Amino acid sequence: MEVSYSGRREVLRGLFDAAVAAADPARCLPAWLPEPPDSPMGRTVIVGAGKAAAAMARAVEDHWRGDPERLSGLVVTRYGHGMPTRRIEVVEASHPAPDAAGQMAAARILGAVNGLTANDLVLVLLSGGGSALLAAPMAGITLEQKRAVTKALLTSGASIGEINCVRKHLSAIKGGRLALAAAPARVVTLAISDVPGDDLSTIASGPTVPDPTSCADALEIVKRYGIELPAAACQALLTGAAETPKTDNAGFLRCESHIIATAQGSLAAAANAARAQGFTPLVLGDAIEGEAREAARVLGGIALSVAAHGVPLAAPCVLLSGGETTVTVKGAGRGGRNAEFLLGLALALGGNARISAIACDTDGIDGSEDNAGALLVPDTGVRAAAAGIDLRARLVENDAYNVFSALGDLVVTGPTRTNVNDFRAILIEAPDSPAEEEH
């Protein structure tokens, strides 16, 4: 089968677009909508948080099978991620560090579910980003203190599961507490997963499910990463006063949860798109974690093995992976984890003429930057050298954003209003394919 390789960038961008489309709430949410309350007195309250919250709310409104006049609620999403809705209010707040808008939204969400009856339904819409957007600090700590802890965790190299373990124990709404506030109403949670392993207790810090982690776990995490906690938070963790509700709590008896979109589903969609372009896909995993630059070294080694030996599969092919890497920030540069991954990959590949790659966050925002990620092509290193850019020095400074910006290789999509975490595709061309120069 003859395949054209002149459009490396277009092929890679097409794979990313296919992954994002698979997690579009308009596409994946309607089939999961519950039936409206049986009782004529039953109310339906919609609440939610995350980068996909507004799009999820719109999908509920567009496909709700009950009386739309009995539908109300509030969701909170990241600044710039809102969209028009008719019955469900959309509030925007800060991410990844919480702000007063998120705190007010969390208080209003708790208020909306309080005082409901067994005849009522609470539909909870969750997606990545909900942990920061549902800002309800536990009693005794301030929003500024919670912000400081969050920022320290985000730059410490801690995994998303570790970060959310701490956040749950310092919250008045996360870690199952929203579900308890809504009892005795029926609570149905629809979640778009942005976490490795699709753990419901980690997505948006699990506000409607029992929490398997403990105060002791949270204390061990902050100790391991050298995170300073407010005195009140330390005391609450040490005494167990900050413990989250567990599976034996009766407040969860009328709760059910469904994951409606995952990284694995998006990788499968990208794999189908790759086959249509004549590339054999290999999904390496949907839960790859660790330092971005170290993940790049490992995946780069696999790509080089494919190019040199046809192992673990023969080219033309594409290596697909998802998950959430981390960056331990030590330099003063700009760059999210996907751009840093690609910078590390560029160094690992050494300009191999047959290998190109894309790495992007499916929410359209790489860390806190304005890009989704970036593209890497065989001549990236050559063009960087011609521009006086030292790739290794920039990696030391965590300055990947400025590298790919200077080369014109940032991927900018704007908010996608979904989030199944990072997407990576490494394209390896066949040995006899034309390696056309990229500009």
Protein backbone atom coordinates (compact mmCIF):
# COMPACT_ATOMS: atom_id res chain seq x y z
CA MET A 1 0.00 0.00 0.00
CA GLU A 2 1.48 3.30 -1.08
CA VAL A 3 1.23 6.07 1.47
CA SER A 4 2.10 9.73 1.08
CA TYR A 5 4.28 11.11 3.88
CA SER A 6 4.39 14.73 2.74
CA GLY A 7 1.78 15.80 5.29
CA ARG A 8 3.34 14.68 8.58
CA ARG A 9 1.91 17.63 10.44
CA GLU A 10 -1.56 17.13 8.97
CA VAL A 11 -1.58 13.43 9.80
CA LEU A 12 -0.51 14.03 13.39
CA ARG A 13 -2.96 16.87 13.89
CA GLY A 14 -5.71 14.66 12.44
CA LEU A 15 -4.98 11.98 15.03
CA PHE A 16 -5.24 14.52 17.83
CA ASP A 17 -8.50 15.91 16.44
CA ALA A 18 -9.96 12.39 16.30
CA ALA A 19 -9.02 11.82 19.94
CA VAL A 20 -10.69 15.06 21.04
CA ALA A 21 -13.83 14.41 18.99
CA ALA A 22 -14.31 11.02 20.67
CA ALA A 23 -14.63 12.77 24.05
CA ASP A 24 -16.97 15.57 22.91
CA PRO A 25 -19.85 15.72 25.44
CA ALA A 26 -22.37 16.25 22.65
CA ARG A 27 -21.31 12.88 21.29
CA CYS A 28 -20.69 10.79 24.41
CA LEU A 29 -23.12 12.10 27.05
CA PRO A 30 -26.71 11.70 25.72
CA ALA A 31 -26.80 7.89 25.94
CA TRP A 32 -25.99 8.06 29.67
CA LEU A 33 -28.75 10.44 30.75
CA PRO A 34 -30.95 9.01 33.53
CA GLU A 35 -34.73 9.00 33.47
CA PRO A 36 -36.36 12.06 35.13
CA PRO A 37 -37.82 11.62 38.63
CA ASP A 38 -40.95 9.43 38.78
CA SER A 39 -42.77 11.69 41.22
CA PRO A 40 -44.58 14.73 39.79
CA MET A 41 -43.10 16.62 42.72
CA GLY A 42 -39.59 15.47 41.93
CA ARG A 43 -37.03 18.07 40.98
CA THR A 44 -33.93 17.62 38.83
CA VAL A 45 -30.92 19.63 39.93
CA ILE A 46 -27.85 19.73 37.69
CA VAL A 47 -24.50 20.57 39.28
CA GLY A 48 -20.98 20.02 38.05
CA ALA A 49 -17.42 21.17 37.64
CA GLY A 50 -14.60 20.81 35.18
CA LYS A 51 -13.28 22.00 31.86
CA ALA A 52 -16.05 20.11 30.07
CA ALA A 53 -18.81 21.23 32.47
CA ALA A 54 -20.42 23.82 30.18
CA ALA A 55 -20.46 21.50 27.17
CA MET A 56 -21.87 18.71 29.34
CA ALA A 57 -24.60 21.03 30.63
CA ARG A 58 -25.49 22.00 27.06
CA ALA A 59 -25.68 18.32 26.07
CA VAL A 60 -28.04 17.64 28.99
CA GLU A 61 -30.32 20.49 27.94
CA ASP A 62 -30.32 19.35 24.31
CA HIS A 63 -31.22 15.74 25.10
CA TRP A 64 -33.19 15.81 28.37
CA ARG A 65 -36.28 13.59 28.18
CA GLY A 66 -38.19 15.27 31.00
CA ASP A 67 -39.94 18.60 31.38
CA PRO A 68 -37.27 21.25 30.74
CA GLU A 69 -39.12 23.62 33.07
CA ARG A 70 -38.26 21.31 35.98
CA LEU A 71 -34.55 21.40 35.11
CA SER A 72 -32.25 23.81 36.94
CA GLY A 73 -28.76 23.98 38.29
CA LEU A 74 -25.24 25.37 38.18
CA VAL A 75 -21.90 24.19 36.81
CA VAL A 76 -18.48 25.79 37.11
CA THR A 77 -15.82 25.68 34.42
CA ARG A 78 -12.49 27.28 33.68
CA TYR A 79 -12.28 30.87 32.44
CA GLY A 80 -12.82 30.86 28.68
CA HIS A 81 -14.44 27.40 28.65
CA GLY A 82 -18.06 28.51 29.05
CA MET A 83 -20.78 28.33 26.42
CA PRO A 84 -24.42 29.47 26.19
CA THR A 85 -27.03 27.38 28.02
CA ARG A 86 -30.76 27.83 28.60
CA ARG A 87 -31.66 26.42 32.03
CA ILE A 88 -28.36 25.52 33.68
CA GLU A 89 -26.21 28.43 34.83
CA VAL A 90 -22.53 28.36 33.86
CA VAL A 91 -19.99 30.09 36.09
CA GLU A 92 -16.32 30.50 35.19
CA ALA A 93 -13.47 30.33 37.69
CA SER A 94 -9.70 29.88 37.94
CA HIS A 95 -7.68 26.77 37.12
CA PRO A 96 -5.27 25.26 38.14
CA ALA A 97 -5.14 27.38 41.31
CA PRO A 98 -8.58 28.10 42.85
CA ASP A 99 -10.02 31.60 43.23
CA ALA A 100 -12.94 33.39 44.89
CA ALA A 101 -15.25 32.70 41.92
CA GLY A 102 -14.69 28.97 42.33
CA GLN A 103 -15.22 29.23 46.07
CA MET A 104 -18.53 31.05 45.57
CA ALA A 105 -19.63 28.51 42.94
CA ALA A 106 -18.83 25.59 45.25
CA ALA A 107 -20.86 27.21 48.05
CA ARG A 108 -23.80 27.71 45.68
CA ILE A 109 -23.57 24.09 44.50
CA LEU A 110 -23.68 22.86 48.08
CA GLY A 111 -26.66 25.13 48.67
CA ALA A 112 -28.45 23.82 45.57
CA VAL A 113 -28.34 20.20 46.75
CA ASN A 114 -29.17 20.84 50.40
CA GLY A 115 -32.75 20.23 51.54
CA LEU A 116 -33.70 17.87 48.71
CA THR A 117 -35.98 14.88 49.21
CA ALA A 118 -35.97 11.24 48.13
CA ASN A 119 -38.19 12.26 45.18
CA ASP A 120 -35.48 14.47 43.70
CA LEU A 121 -32.63 13.75 41.30
CA VAL A 122 -29.21 15.36 41.40
CA LEU A 123 -27.28 14.96 38.13
CA VAL A 124 -23.59 15.66 38.69
CA LEU A 125 -21.39 16.46 35.68
CA LEU A 126 -17.67 16.04 36.32
CA SER A 127 -14.54 16.37 34.23
CA GLY A 128 -10.88 17.22 34.60
CA GLY A 129 -10.20 20.50 36.33
CA GLY A 130 -13.04 20.06 38.79
CA SER A 131 -10.66 19.74 41.73
CA ALA A 132 -9.48 23.33 41.41
CA LEU A 133 -12.82 24.72 40.29
CA LEU A 134 -14.76 23.31 43.27
CA ALA A 135 -12.96 25.48 45.79
CA ALA A 136 -14.47 24.88 49.24
CA PRO A 137 -11.65 24.91 51.81
CA MET A 138 -12.25 22.98 55.02
CA ALA A 139 -13.10 24.93 58.12
CA GLY A 140 -10.05 26.65 59.57
CA ILE A 141 -8.11 27.33 56.37
CA THR A 142 -8.48 30.22 53.96
CA LEU A 143 -8.74 30.24 50.19
CA GLU A 144 -5.28 31.80 49.96
CA GLN A 145 -3.84 29.01 52.07
CA LYS A 146 -5.54 26.41 49.86
CA ARG A 147 -4.15 28.19 46.79
CA ALA A 148 -0.63 28.05 48.20
CA VAL A 149 -0.88 24.33 48.92
CA THR A 150 -2.29 23.68 45.42
CA LYS A 151 0.48 25.64 43.69
CA ALA A 152 3.17 23.87 45.72
CA LEU A 153 1.73 20.47 44.83
CA LEU A 154 1.45 21.31 41.13
CA THR A 155 5.16 22.15 40.86
CA SER A 156 6.41 19.39 43.16
CA GLY A 157 6.33 16.49 40.70
CA ALA A 158 3.46 14.79 42.57
CA SER A 159 1.06 12.69 40.50
CA ILE A 160 -2.54 13.79 39.98
CA GLY A 161 -3.71 11.07 42.36
CA GLU A 162 -1.38 12.32 45.07
CA ILE A 163 -2.38 15.94 44.52
CA ASN A 164 -6.06 15.09 44.71
CA CYS A 165 -5.59 13.00 47.84
CA VAL A 166 -4.37 16.10 49.65
CA ARG A 167 -7.01 18.36 48.11
CA LYS A 168 -9.83 16.01 49.13
CA HIS A 169 -8.81 16.06 52.76
CA LEU A 170 -8.63 19.85 52.84
CA SER A 171 -12.06 20.31 51.23
CA ALA A 172 -15.64 20.71 52.37
CA ILE A 173 -17.10 19.38 49.08
CA LYS A 174 -14.66 16.89 47.54
CA GLY A 175 -13.92 13.32 48.59
CA GLY A 176 -17.59 12.25 48.70
CA ARG A 177 -18.87 15.22 50.68
CA LEU A 178 -21.09 16.58 47.87
CA ALA A 179 -23.01 13.27 47.78
CA LEU A 180 -23.61 13.41 51.53
CA ALA A 181 -24.90 16.97 51.21
CA ALA A 182 -27.41 15.83 48.55
CA ALA A 183 -28.83 12.86 50.49
CA PRO A 184 -31.53 11.53 50.51
CA ALA A 185 -31.95 12.54 46.85
CA ARG A 186 -30.88 10.14 44.12
CA VAL A 187 -27.44 11.17 42.85
CA VAL A 188 -26.25 10.21 39.35
CA THR A 189 -22.73 11.22 38.34
CA LEU A 190 -21.55 11.35 34.72
CA ALA A 191 -17.80 11.78 34.45
CA ILE A 192 -15.31 12.40 31.67
CA SER A 193 -12.08 10.88 32.94
CA ASP A 194 -8.82 12.78 32.83
CA VAL A 195 -6.94 10.55 35.27
CA PRO A 196 -4.79 7.45 34.75
CA GLY A 197 -6.82 4.35 35.58
CA ASP A 198 -10.17 6.21 35.32
CA ASP A 199 -10.54 6.23 39.11
CA LEU A 200 -13.84 7.91 40.02
CA SER A 201 -12.45 8.93 43.40
CA THR A 202 -9.73 10.93 41.64
CA ILE A 203 -11.74 12.59 38.83
CA ALA A 204 -12.44 16.11 40.12
CA SER A 205 -11.33 14.68 43.50
CA GLY A 206 -14.38 12.42 43.69
CA PRO A 207 -17.07 14.66 45.23
CA THR A 208 -19.80 12.00 44.92
CA VAL A 209 -17.98 8.73 45.66
CA PRO A 210 -16.38 7.21 48.77
CA ASP A 211 -12.72 8.10 49.23
CA PRO A 212 -10.28 5.19 49.61
CA THR A 213 -7.44 7.44 50.80
CA SER A 214 -6.83 8.55 54.36
CA CYS A 215 -5.52 11.45 56.40
CA ALA A 216 -2.36 9.41 56.89
CA ASP A 217 -1.94 9.13 53.11
CA ALA A 218 -2.29 12.89 52.73
CA LEU A 219 0.27 13.52 55.47
CA GLU A 220 2.74 11.13 53.87
CA ILE A 221 2.37 12.90 50.49
CA VAL A 222 2.97 16.40 51.86
CA LYS A 223 5.97 15.10 53.79
CA ARG A 224 7.43 13.34 50.74
CA TYR A 225 7.23 16.46 48.57
CA GLY A 226 8.08 18.97 51.28
CA ILE A 227 4.74 20.79 51.14
CA GLU A 228 4.03 23.26 53.93
CA LEU A 229 0.49 23.07 55.30
CA PRO A 230 -1.44 25.61 57.40
CA ALA A 231 -1.42 24.72 61.09
CA ALA A 232 -5.16 24.02 61.10
CA ALA A 233 -4.81 21.61 58.18
CA CYS A 234 -1.92 19.77 59.87
CA GLN A 235 -3.94 19.40 63.04
CA ALA A 236 -7.03 18.16 61.19
CA LEU A 237 -4.98 15.54 59.34
CA LEU A 238 -3.11 14.43 62.44
CA THR A 239 -6.27 14.01 64.52
CA GLY A 240 -8.36 12.52 61.71
CA ALA A 241 -10.85 15.39 61.82
CA ALA A 242 -10.31 15.87 58.07
CA GLU A 243 -11.09 12.24 57.22
CA THR A 244 -13.25 11.71 54.15
CA PRO A 245 -16.39 9.49 54.08
CA LYS A 246 -15.86 5.82 53.22
CA THR A 247 -17.91 3.08 51.56
CA ASP A 248 -19.86 2.24 54.71
CA ASN A 249 -21.43 5.71 54.88
CA ALA A 250 -25.20 5.51 54.33
CA GLY A 251 -25.08 8.76 52.37
CA PHE A 252 -23.87 6.81 49.31
CA LEU A 253 -26.78 4.33 49.19
CA ARG A 254 -28.64 6.18 46.40
CA CYS A 255 -25.55 7.20 44.40
CA GLU A 256 -24.45 5.81 41.06
CA SER A 257 -21.60 6.90 38.79
CA HIS A 258 -20.72 6.35 35.15
CA ILE A 259 -17.59 7.21 33.20
CA ILE A 260 -18.75 8.36 29.78
CA ALA A 261 -15.44 9.18 28.06
CA THR A 262 -11.89 8.00 28.67
CA ALA A 263 -8.36 8.37 27.35
CA GLN A 264 -8.55 4.78 26.13
CA GLY A 265 -11.62 5.60 24.06
CA SER A 266 -9.86 8.58 22.50
CA LEU A 267 -6.75 6.53 21.78
CA ALA A 268 -8.94 3.94 20.06
CA ALA A 269 -10.47 6.68 17.89
CA ALA A 270 -6.98 7.94 16.99
CA ALA A 271 -5.93 4.37 16.17
CA ASN A 272 -8.81 4.08 13.71
CA ALA A 273 -7.80 7.39 12.13
CA ALA A 274 -4.21 6.16 11.83
CA ARG A 275 -5.30 2.99 10.03
CA ALA A 276 -7.28 5.10 7.59
CA GLN A 277 -4.04 6.96 6.77
CA GLY A 278 -2.11 3.73 6.19
CA PHE A 279 -0.26 3.58 9.55
CA THR A 280 -0.38 0.61 11.89
CA PRO A 281 -1.25 1.90 15.37
CA LEU A 282 0.18 0.59 18.63
CA VAL A 283 -1.42 1.88 21.83
CA LEU A 284 1.29 1.86 24.48
CA GLY A 285 -1.06 2.76 27.32
CA ASP A 286 -3.59 5.28 28.54
CA ALA A 287 -2.07 5.81 32.00
CA ILE A 288 1.56 6.82 31.44
CA GLU A 289 2.83 8.95 34.30
CA GLY A 290 6.17 10.26 35.58
CA GLU A 291 8.43 13.14 34.61
CA ALA A 292 7.67 14.34 31.07
CA ARG A 293 11.33 14.31 30.00
CA GLU A 294 11.83 10.78 31.34
CA ALA A 295 8.71 9.52 29.56
CA ALA A 296 10.13 11.10 26.40
CA ARG A 297 13.37 9.19 26.80
CA VAL A 298 11.52 5.87 27.15
CA LEU A 299 9.07 6.44 24.31
CA GLY A 300 11.87 7.82 22.15
CA GLY A 301 13.81 4.62 22.68
CA ILE A 302 10.85 2.56 21.53
CA ALA A 303 10.45 4.75 18.43
CA LEU A 304 14.15 4.37 17.57
CA SER A 305 13.83 0.59 17.95
CA VAL A 306 10.94 0.60 15.50
CA ALA A 307 12.92 2.68 13.01
CA ALA A 308 16.09 0.59 13.29
CA HIS A 309 14.79 -2.93 13.85
CA GLY A 310 11.05 -3.02 13.20
CA VAL A 311 10.51 -3.91 16.87
CA PRO A 312 7.95 -4.00 18.50
CA LEU A 313 6.27 -3.44 15.14
CA ALA A 314 7.22 -2.49 11.62
CA ALA A 315 6.91 0.95 10.10
CA PRO A 316 4.88 2.70 8.81
CA CYS A 317 3.27 2.92 12.21
CA VAL A 318 2.27 5.27 15.00
CA LEU A 319 2.85 4.86 18.74
CA LEU A 320 -0.10 6.23 20.72
CA SER A 321 -0.23 6.95 24.44
CA GLY A 322 -2.16 8.89 27.03
CA GLY A 323 -2.04 9.65 30.73
CA GLU A 324 -0.61 12.56 32.63
CA THR A 325 3.08 13.24 32.98
CA THR A 326 4.46 15.76 35.44
CA VAL A 327 7.09 18.48 35.44
CA THR A 328 9.19 19.29 38.47
CA VAL A 329 9.79 22.97 37.80
CA LYS A 330 13.35 24.07 38.51
CA GLY A 331 13.96 26.59 35.73
CA ALA A 332 12.47 29.99 34.94
CA GLY A 333 11.10 29.20 31.47
CA ARG A 334 7.62 28.67 30.07
CA GLY A 335 6.11 25.37 29.10
CA GLY A 336 3.50 22.76 29.88
CA ARG A 337 4.17 19.06 30.28
CA ASN A 338 3.39 18.22 26.64
CA ALA A 339 5.81 20.76 25.23
CA GLU A 340 8.43 19.56 27.72
CA PHE A 341 7.79 15.97 26.64
CA LEU A 342 8.46 16.92 23.01
CA LEU A 343 11.60 18.84 23.90
CA GLY A 344 12.90 15.78 25.71
CA LEU A 345 11.83 13.62 22.76
CA ALA A 346 13.73 15.84 20.31
CA LEU A 347 16.91 15.23 22.29
CA ALA A 348 16.23 11.49 22.53
CA LEU A 349 15.61 11.10 18.79
CA GLY A 350 18.58 13.16 17.65
CA GLY A 351 16.82 14.33 14.48
CA ASN A 352 15.91 10.88 13.11
CA ALA A 353 14.60 11.57 9.62
CA ARG A 354 11.72 9.10 9.86
CA ILE A 355 10.19 10.09 13.18
CA SER A 356 7.71 12.89 13.94
CA ALA A 357 5.42 13.46 16.91
CA ILE A 358 2.63 15.45 18.49
CA ALA A 359 1.86 15.88 22.18
CA CYS A 360 -1.16 17.87 23.34
CA ASP A 361 -3.57 18.15 26.23
CA THR A 362 -7.05 17.23 25.02
CA ASP A 363 -8.53 20.21 26.89
CA GLY A 364 -6.63 22.55 24.56
CA ILE A 365 -4.47 24.00 27.35
CA ASP A 366 -0.97 22.67 28.04
CA GLY A 367 -0.51 23.43 31.73
CA SER A 368 -1.35 27.10 32.07
CA GLU A 369 -0.25 28.22 28.59
CA ASP A 370 -2.33 29.25 25.57
CA ASN A 371 -1.43 26.21 23.46
CA ALA A 372 -2.63 22.63 23.52
CA GLY A 373 0.86 21.31 22.90
CA ALA A 374 3.28 21.18 20.00
CA LEU A 375 4.60 19.28 16.99
CA LEU A 376 8.02 17.72 16.51
CA VAL A 377 9.35 16.99 13.00
CA PRO A 378 12.71 15.58 11.87
CA ASP A 379 14.34 18.95 11.28
CA THR A 380 13.24 20.52 14.58
CA GLY A 381 16.78 20.32 15.95
CA VAL A 382 18.33 21.76 12.79
CA ARG A 383 15.96 24.70 12.74
CA ALA A 384 16.51 25.30 16.43
CA ALA A 385 20.29 25.37 15.97
CA ALA A 386 19.94 27.79 13.06
CA ALA A 387 17.91 30.07 15.33
CA GLY A 388 20.54 29.90 18.06
CA ILE A 389 18.36 27.75 20.34
CA ASP A 390 20.14 25.24 22.59
CA LEU A 391 17.55 22.52 23.16
CA ARG A 392 19.35 20.95 26.10
CA ALA A 393 19.76 24.27 27.89
CA ARG A 394 16.11 25.11 27.31
CA LEU A 395 15.06 21.78 28.80
CA VAL A 396 17.06 22.56 31.92
CA GLU A 397 15.17 25.86 32.16
CA ASN A 398 11.74 24.21 31.58
CA ASP A 399 11.41 26.52 28.57
CA ALA A 400 9.81 24.25 25.98
CA TYR A 401 6.98 26.67 25.14
CA ASN A 402 9.37 29.34 23.89
CA VAL A 403 11.30 26.78 21.81
CA PHE A 404 8.28 25.59 19.87
CA SER A 405 6.84 29.09 19.67
CA ALA A 406 10.05 30.35 18.02
CA LEU A 407 9.91 27.44 15.56
CA GLY A 408 6.23 27.98 14.74
CA ASP A 409 5.34 24.50 15.95
CA LEU A 410 2.91 25.18 18.77
CA VAL A 411 -0.52 23.57 18.43
CA VAL A 412 -3.17 26.15 19.34
CA THR A 413 -6.79 25.01 19.46
CA GLY A 414 -8.38 27.13 22.15
CA PRO A 415 -10.55 25.39 24.77
CA THR A 416 -11.94 22.10 23.46
CA ARG A 417 -14.47 21.87 26.35
CA THR A 418 -13.56 18.28 27.07
CA ASN A 419 -10.64 16.64 28.82
CA VAL A 420 -9.31 13.08 28.73
CA ASN A 421 -5.80 14.22 29.56
CA ASP A 422 -2.67 14.12 27.43
CA PHE A 423 -2.47 12.68 23.94
CA ARG A 424 0.80 11.64 22.32
CA ALA A 425 1.42 10.21 18.87
CA ILE A 426 4.86 9.26 17.51
CA LEU A 427 4.82 8.64 13.77
CA ILE A 428 7.49 6.38 12.24
CA GLU A 429 7.71 6.31 8.47
CA ALA A 430 8.75 3.27 6.43
CA PRO A 431 12.45 2.97 5.48
CA ASP A 432 11.84 3.63 1.81
CA SER A 433 9.42 6.54 2.26
CA PRO A 434 10.45 9.99 1.05
CA ALA A 435 11.64 12.11 3.98
CA GLU A 436 10.60 15.46 2.61
CA GLU A 437 11.93 18.57 4.23
CA GLU A 438 9.49 20.24 6.62
CA HIS A 439 9.17 23.99 7.01
